[in-house]
Amino acid sequence: MASLRLRKMAVCEIRELLKLSFSTVSKHLSILKEAGLIDFEKEGKWVNYEINQDLPPEIKKILDQVLSFVSQEEQIKEDLKVARFLDRNKICPLTGATSKLKIPRRNKL
């Protein structure tokens, strides 16, 4: 959530940042979405997650306070530094955007 406060992020960027599996990150994003705390938008083949901009003011205030508090933790500070420089184009290959590994065929005997 603290990283989403900085900018929109794709699942693969969040996964890279937190060093968690895609399924774990997706499950947590699903829970946050269901709770109304985050939202997403499609941008071409990307799905960008962000903090819900339409939160009620009292919820937004509480969330801002919690995120400000946790952002003082050393691990969160480090994560925020890394999050600023994550490049989805380098860490999130899209289908068809990367060349397939070519394995030479063995000669039949």
N, C-alpha and C. Protein backbone atom coordinates (compact mmCIF):
# COMPACT_ATOMS: atom_id res chain seq x y z
N MET A 1 0.84 -1.20 0.00
CA MET A 1 0.00 0.00 0.00
C MET A 1 0.87 1.25 0.00
N ALA A 2 1.97 1.20 0.77
CA ALA A 2 2.84 2.37 0.83
C ALA A 2 3.43 2.66 -0.55
N SER A 3 3.78 1.62 -1.29
CA SER A 3 4.33 1.81 -2.63
C SER A 3 3.27 2.33 -3.60
N LEU A 4 2.04 1.86 -3.43
CA LEU A 4 0.96 2.34 -4.29
C LEU A 4 0.64 3.81 -4.01
N ARG A 5 1.07 4.27 -2.87
CA ARG A 5 0.92 5.69 -2.55
C ARG A 5 1.84 6.54 -3.44
N LEU A 6 2.97 5.93 -3.84
CA LEU A 6 3.92 6.63 -4.71
C LEU A 6 3.44 6.71 -6.15
N ARG A 7 2.97 5.53 -6.62
CA ARG A 7 2.60 5.46 -8.04
C ARG A 7 1.78 4.20 -8.30
N LYS A 8 1.18 4.15 -9.47
CA LYS A 8 0.48 2.95 -9.91
C LYS A 8 1.52 1.87 -10.19
N MET A 9 1.13 0.63 -9.90
CA MET A 9 2.05 -0.48 -10.13
C MET A 9 1.33 -1.69 -10.69
N ALA A 10 2.04 -2.44 -11.52
CA ALA A 10 1.52 -3.71 -12.04
C ALA A 10 1.85 -4.82 -11.05
N VAL A 11 1.13 -5.94 -11.17
CA VAL A 11 1.34 -7.07 -10.26
C VAL A 11 2.80 -7.50 -10.26
N CYS A 12 3.40 -7.58 -11.44
CA CYS A 12 4.78 -8.06 -11.51
C CYS A 12 5.75 -7.10 -10.81
N GLU A 13 5.46 -5.82 -10.82
CA GLU A 13 6.31 -4.86 -10.10
C GLU A 13 6.18 -5.05 -8.59
N ILE A 14 4.96 -5.27 -8.14
CA ILE A 14 4.73 -5.50 -6.71
C ILE A 14 5.39 -6.80 -6.29
N ARG A 15 5.27 -7.82 -7.13
CA ARG A 15 5.89 -9.10 -6.85
C ARG A 15 7.41 -8.96 -6.75
N GLU A 16 7.99 -8.25 -7.68
CA GLU A 16 9.44 -8.01 -7.66
C GLU A 16 9.86 -7.26 -6.40
N LEU A 17 9.11 -6.28 -6.03
CA LEU A 17 9.41 -5.47 -4.86
C LEU A 17 9.35 -6.30 -3.57
N LEU A 18 8.29 -7.08 -3.43
CA LEU A 18 8.07 -7.81 -2.19
C LEU A 18 8.68 -9.21 -2.18
N LYS A 19 9.16 -9.65 -3.35
CA LYS A 19 9.76 -10.99 -3.48
C LYS A 19 8.77 -12.08 -3.07
N LEU A 20 7.54 -11.94 -3.58
CA LEU A 20 6.48 -12.91 -3.32
C LEU A 20 6.03 -13.50 -4.65
N SER A 21 5.32 -14.60 -4.59
CA SER A 21 4.81 -15.24 -5.80
C SER A 21 3.68 -14.40 -6.40
N PHE A 22 3.43 -14.62 -7.70
CA PHE A 22 2.34 -13.92 -8.37
C PHE A 22 1.01 -14.24 -7.70
N SER A 23 0.81 -15.51 -7.33
CA SER A 23 -0.47 -15.88 -6.73
C SER A 23 -0.68 -15.21 -5.38
N THR A 24 0.38 -15.09 -4.59
CA THR A 24 0.27 -14.43 -3.29
C THR A 24 -0.06 -12.95 -3.47
N VAL A 25 0.65 -12.30 -4.37
CA VAL A 25 0.40 -10.87 -4.61
C VAL A 25 -1.01 -10.68 -5.16
N SER A 26 -1.41 -11.50 -6.10
CA SER A 26 -2.75 -11.38 -6.67
C SER A 26 -3.83 -11.58 -5.62
N LYS A 27 -3.64 -12.54 -4.74
CA LYS A 27 -4.62 -12.79 -3.68
C LYS A 27 -4.75 -11.57 -2.77
N HIS A 28 -3.62 -11.01 -2.35
CA HIS A 28 -3.66 -9.84 -1.47
C HIS A 28 -4.27 -8.63 -2.17
N LEU A 29 -3.95 -8.46 -3.45
CA LEU A 29 -4.56 -7.35 -4.21
C LEU A 29 -6.07 -7.55 -4.31
N SER A 30 -6.49 -8.79 -4.48
CA SER A 30 -7.92 -9.10 -4.55
C SER A 30 -8.62 -8.72 -3.24
N ILE A 31 -7.99 -9.04 -2.12
CA ILE A 31 -8.56 -8.70 -0.80
C ILE A 31 -8.64 -7.18 -0.64
N LEU A 32 -7.59 -6.48 -1.01
CA LEU A 32 -7.58 -5.01 -0.89
C LEU A 32 -8.62 -4.38 -1.81
N LYS A 33 -8.79 -4.96 -3.01
CA LYS A 33 -9.79 -4.46 -3.96
C LYS A 33 -11.19 -4.69 -3.40
N GLU A 34 -11.43 -5.89 -2.87
CA GLU A 34 -12.75 -6.21 -2.30
C GLU A 34 -13.07 -5.28 -1.13
N ALA A 35 -12.05 -4.90 -0.37
CA ALA A 35 -12.24 -3.99 0.76
C ALA A 35 -12.44 -2.54 0.30
N GLY A 36 -12.21 -2.30 -0.99
CA GLY A 36 -12.40 -0.95 -1.53
C GLY A 36 -11.20 -0.03 -1.33
N LEU A 37 -10.07 -0.59 -0.89
CA LEU A 37 -8.90 0.25 -0.62
C LEU A 37 -8.07 0.55 -1.85
N ILE A 38 -8.12 -0.35 -2.83
CA ILE A 38 -7.38 -0.11 -4.06
C ILE A 38 -8.31 -0.27 -5.25
N ASP A 39 -7.84 0.21 -6.37
CA ASP A 39 -8.58 0.11 -7.61
C ASP A 39 -7.57 -0.24 -8.70
N PHE A 40 -8.05 -0.59 -9.86
CA PHE A 40 -7.15 -0.89 -10.96
C PHE A 40 -7.72 -0.34 -12.25
N GLU A 41 -6.81 -0.17 -13.21
CA GLU A 41 -7.23 0.25 -14.54
C GLU A 41 -6.37 -0.48 -15.55
N LYS A 42 -6.96 -0.81 -16.67
CA LYS A 42 -6.21 -1.45 -17.73
C LYS A 42 -5.61 -0.37 -18.62
N GLU A 43 -4.36 -0.62 -18.99
CA GLU A 43 -3.64 0.29 -19.89
C GLU A 43 -2.96 -0.60 -20.92
N GLY A 44 -3.65 -0.83 -22.03
CA GLY A 44 -3.14 -1.79 -23.00
C GLY A 44 -3.13 -3.17 -22.37
N LYS A 45 -1.96 -3.81 -22.35
CA LYS A 45 -1.85 -5.15 -21.75
C LYS A 45 -1.53 -5.08 -20.26
N TRP A 46 -1.30 -3.90 -19.74
CA TRP A 46 -0.97 -3.74 -18.33
C TRP A 46 -2.24 -3.57 -17.50
N VAL A 47 -2.18 -4.04 -16.27
CA VAL A 47 -3.22 -3.76 -15.28
C VAL A 47 -2.52 -3.01 -14.16
N ASN A 48 -2.87 -1.75 -13.99
CA ASN A 48 -2.23 -0.89 -12.99
C ASN A 48 -3.09 -0.79 -11.74
N TYR A 49 -2.46 -1.02 -10.61
CA TYR A 49 -3.15 -0.92 -9.32
C TYR A 49 -2.75 0.39 -8.66
N GLU A 50 -3.71 0.98 -7.94
CA GLU A 50 -3.47 2.23 -7.23
C GLU A 50 -4.40 2.30 -6.03
N ILE A 51 -4.10 3.19 -5.13
CA ILE A 51 -4.99 3.42 -4.00
C ILE A 51 -6.28 4.05 -4.54
N ASN A 52 -7.40 3.57 -4.07
CA ASN A 52 -8.70 4.07 -4.50
C ASN A 52 -8.81 5.57 -4.21
N GLN A 53 -9.00 6.33 -5.26
CA GLN A 53 -9.10 7.79 -5.13
C GLN A 53 -10.47 8.24 -4.62
N ASP A 54 -11.43 7.32 -4.61
CA ASP A 54 -12.79 7.67 -4.19
C ASP A 54 -13.12 7.19 -2.78
N LEU A 55 -12.11 7.00 -1.96
CA LEU A 55 -12.35 6.59 -0.57
C LEU A 55 -13.09 7.70 0.17
N PRO A 56 -13.96 7.34 1.10
CA PRO A 56 -14.58 8.37 1.93
C PRO A 56 -13.48 9.14 2.69
N PRO A 57 -13.66 10.42 2.90
CA PRO A 57 -12.62 11.24 3.53
C PRO A 57 -12.10 10.69 4.86
N GLU A 58 -13.01 10.15 5.68
CA GLU A 58 -12.55 9.64 6.98
C GLU A 58 -11.68 8.39 6.82
N ILE A 59 -11.99 7.55 5.83
CA ILE A 59 -11.17 6.36 5.56
C ILE A 59 -9.83 6.78 4.97
N LYS A 60 -9.86 7.74 4.06
CA LYS A 60 -8.63 8.24 3.46
C LYS A 60 -7.70 8.82 4.54
N LYS A 61 -8.26 9.55 5.48
CA LYS A 61 -7.47 10.14 6.56
C LYS A 61 -6.80 9.05 7.41
N ILE A 62 -7.57 8.03 7.76
CA ILE A 62 -7.02 6.92 8.56
C ILE A 62 -5.94 6.19 7.77
N LEU A 63 -6.21 5.90 6.50
CA LEU A 63 -5.23 5.21 5.66
C LEU A 63 -3.95 6.04 5.54
N ASP A 64 -4.08 7.34 5.32
CA ASP A 64 -2.90 8.21 5.24
C ASP A 64 -2.10 8.17 6.53
N GLN A 65 -2.77 8.18 7.67
CA GLN A 65 -2.08 8.13 8.96
C GLN A 65 -1.34 6.80 9.13
N VAL A 66 -2.01 5.70 8.80
CA VAL A 66 -1.39 4.38 8.93
C VAL A 66 -0.18 4.27 7.99
N LEU A 67 -0.35 4.69 6.74
CA LEU A 67 0.75 4.59 5.79
C LEU A 67 1.90 5.52 6.16
N SER A 68 1.60 6.68 6.70
CA SER A 68 2.67 7.57 7.17
C SER A 68 3.44 6.93 8.31
N PHE A 69 2.71 6.27 9.21
CA PHE A 69 3.34 5.61 10.35
C PHE A 69 4.23 4.45 9.89
N VAL A 70 3.69 3.54 9.05
CA VAL A 70 4.47 2.38 8.63
C VAL A 70 5.62 2.77 7.70
N SER A 71 5.50 3.90 7.04
CA SER A 71 6.56 4.35 6.14
C SER A 71 7.82 4.77 6.88
N GLN A 72 7.76 4.82 8.20
CA GLN A 72 8.94 5.15 9.00
C GLN A 72 9.78 3.90 9.29
N GLU A 73 9.22 2.71 9.05
CA GLU A 73 9.94 1.46 9.26
C GLU A 73 11.05 1.33 8.21
N GLU A 74 12.20 0.81 8.64
CA GLU A 74 13.36 0.71 7.75
C GLU A 74 13.06 -0.12 6.50
N GLN A 75 12.39 -1.26 6.66
CA GLN A 75 12.10 -2.11 5.49
C GLN A 75 11.20 -1.38 4.51
N ILE A 76 10.22 -0.66 5.01
CA ILE A 76 9.32 0.10 4.13
C ILE A 76 10.10 1.22 3.43
N LYS A 77 10.97 1.89 4.15
CA LYS A 77 11.81 2.94 3.54
C LYS A 77 12.62 2.37 2.38
N GLU A 78 13.22 1.19 2.60
CA GLU A 78 14.00 0.54 1.54
C GLU A 78 13.10 0.15 0.37
N ASP A 79 11.94 -0.40 0.67
CA ASP A 79 11.00 -0.78 -0.38
C ASP A 79 10.58 0.43 -1.21
N LEU A 80 10.35 1.54 -0.56
CA LEU A 80 9.94 2.75 -1.28
C LEU A 80 11.05 3.26 -2.19
N LYS A 81 12.29 3.14 -1.75
CA LYS A 81 13.42 3.53 -2.61
C LYS A 81 13.45 2.67 -3.87
N VAL A 82 13.29 1.36 -3.67
CA VAL A 82 13.30 0.42 -4.79
C VAL A 82 12.11 0.67 -5.71
N ALA A 83 10.94 0.89 -5.13
CA ALA A 83 9.71 1.07 -5.91
C ALA A 83 9.82 2.24 -6.88
N ARG A 84 10.54 3.25 -6.52
CA ARG A 84 10.68 4.42 -7.39
C ARG A 84 11.35 4.08 -8.72
N PHE A 85 12.20 3.06 -8.71
CA PHE A 85 13.00 2.77 -9.89
C PHE A 85 12.65 1.47 -10.60
N LEU A 86 11.60 0.79 -10.16
CA LEU A 86 11.20 -0.44 -10.84
C LEU A 86 10.73 -0.10 -12.25
N ASP A 87 11.21 -0.88 -13.20
CA ASP A 87 10.83 -0.66 -14.60
C ASP A 87 10.11 -1.89 -15.11
N ARG A 88 8.81 -1.80 -15.23
CA ARG A 88 7.99 -2.93 -15.65
C ARG A 88 8.42 -3.49 -16.99
N ASN A 89 8.96 -2.67 -17.84
CA ASN A 89 9.38 -3.14 -19.16
C ASN A 89 10.57 -4.10 -19.07
N LYS A 90 11.32 -4.01 -18.00
CA LYS A 90 12.46 -4.90 -17.80
C LYS A 90 12.10 -6.14 -16.99
N ILE A 91 11.15 -6.02 -16.08
CA ILE A 91 10.85 -7.14 -15.18
C ILE A 91 9.54 -7.84 -15.47
N CYS A 92 8.73 -7.29 -16.36
CA CYS A 92 7.40 -7.86 -16.62
C CYS A 92 7.25 -8.19 -18.09
N PRO A 93 7.80 -9.31 -18.52
CA PRO A 93 7.66 -9.64 -19.95
C PRO A 93 6.21 -9.89 -20.31
N LEU A 94 5.79 -9.32 -21.41
CA LEU A 94 4.43 -9.53 -21.91
C LEU A 94 4.46 -10.64 -22.95
N THR A 95 3.40 -11.39 -23.05
CA THR A 95 3.32 -12.47 -24.02
C THR A 95 3.59 -11.91 -25.41
N GLY A 96 4.49 -12.57 -26.11
CA GLY A 96 4.83 -12.14 -27.47
C GLY A 96 5.89 -11.07 -27.49
N ALA A 97 6.20 -10.47 -26.34
CA ALA A 97 7.18 -9.40 -26.31
C ALA A 97 8.60 -9.94 -26.11
N THR A 98 8.72 -11.17 -25.71
CA THR A 98 10.04 -11.74 -25.49
C THR A 98 10.25 -12.89 -26.45
N SER A 99 11.47 -13.11 -26.83
CA SER A 99 11.75 -14.23 -27.73
C SER A 99 11.73 -15.52 -26.94
N LYS A 100 11.24 -16.55 -27.57
CA LYS A 100 11.19 -17.84 -26.91
C LYS A 100 12.57 -18.48 -26.95
N LEU A 101 12.90 -19.20 -25.93
CA LEU A 101 14.15 -19.91 -25.86
C LEU A 101 14.14 -21.01 -26.91
N LYS A 102 15.16 -21.02 -27.76
CA LYS A 102 15.24 -22.03 -28.80
C LYS A 102 16.18 -23.13 -28.34
N ILE A 103 15.65 -24.32 -28.26
CA ILE A 103 16.44 -25.47 -27.85
C ILE A 103 16.75 -26.27 -29.11
N PRO A 104 18.05 -26.48 -29.38
CA PRO A 104 18.38 -27.23 -30.60
C PRO A 104 17.87 -28.66 -30.51
N ARG A 105 17.38 -29.16 -31.63
CA ARG A 105 16.90 -30.54 -31.67
C ARG A 105 18.08 -31.47 -31.80
N ARG A 106 17.94 -32.64 -31.20
CA ARG A 106 18.96 -33.65 -31.33
C ARG A 106 18.78 -34.38 -32.67
N ASN A 107 19.87 -34.76 -33.24
CA ASN A 107 19.80 -35.56 -34.47
C ASN A 107 19.30 -36.95 -34.14
N LYS A 108 18.44 -37.47 -34.96
CA LYS A 108 17.94 -38.83 -34.73
C LYS A 108 19.05 -39.80 -35.11
N LEU A 109 19.18 -40.86 -34.34
CA LEU A 109 20.19 -41.88 -34.63
C LEU A 109 19.65 -42.95 -35.50
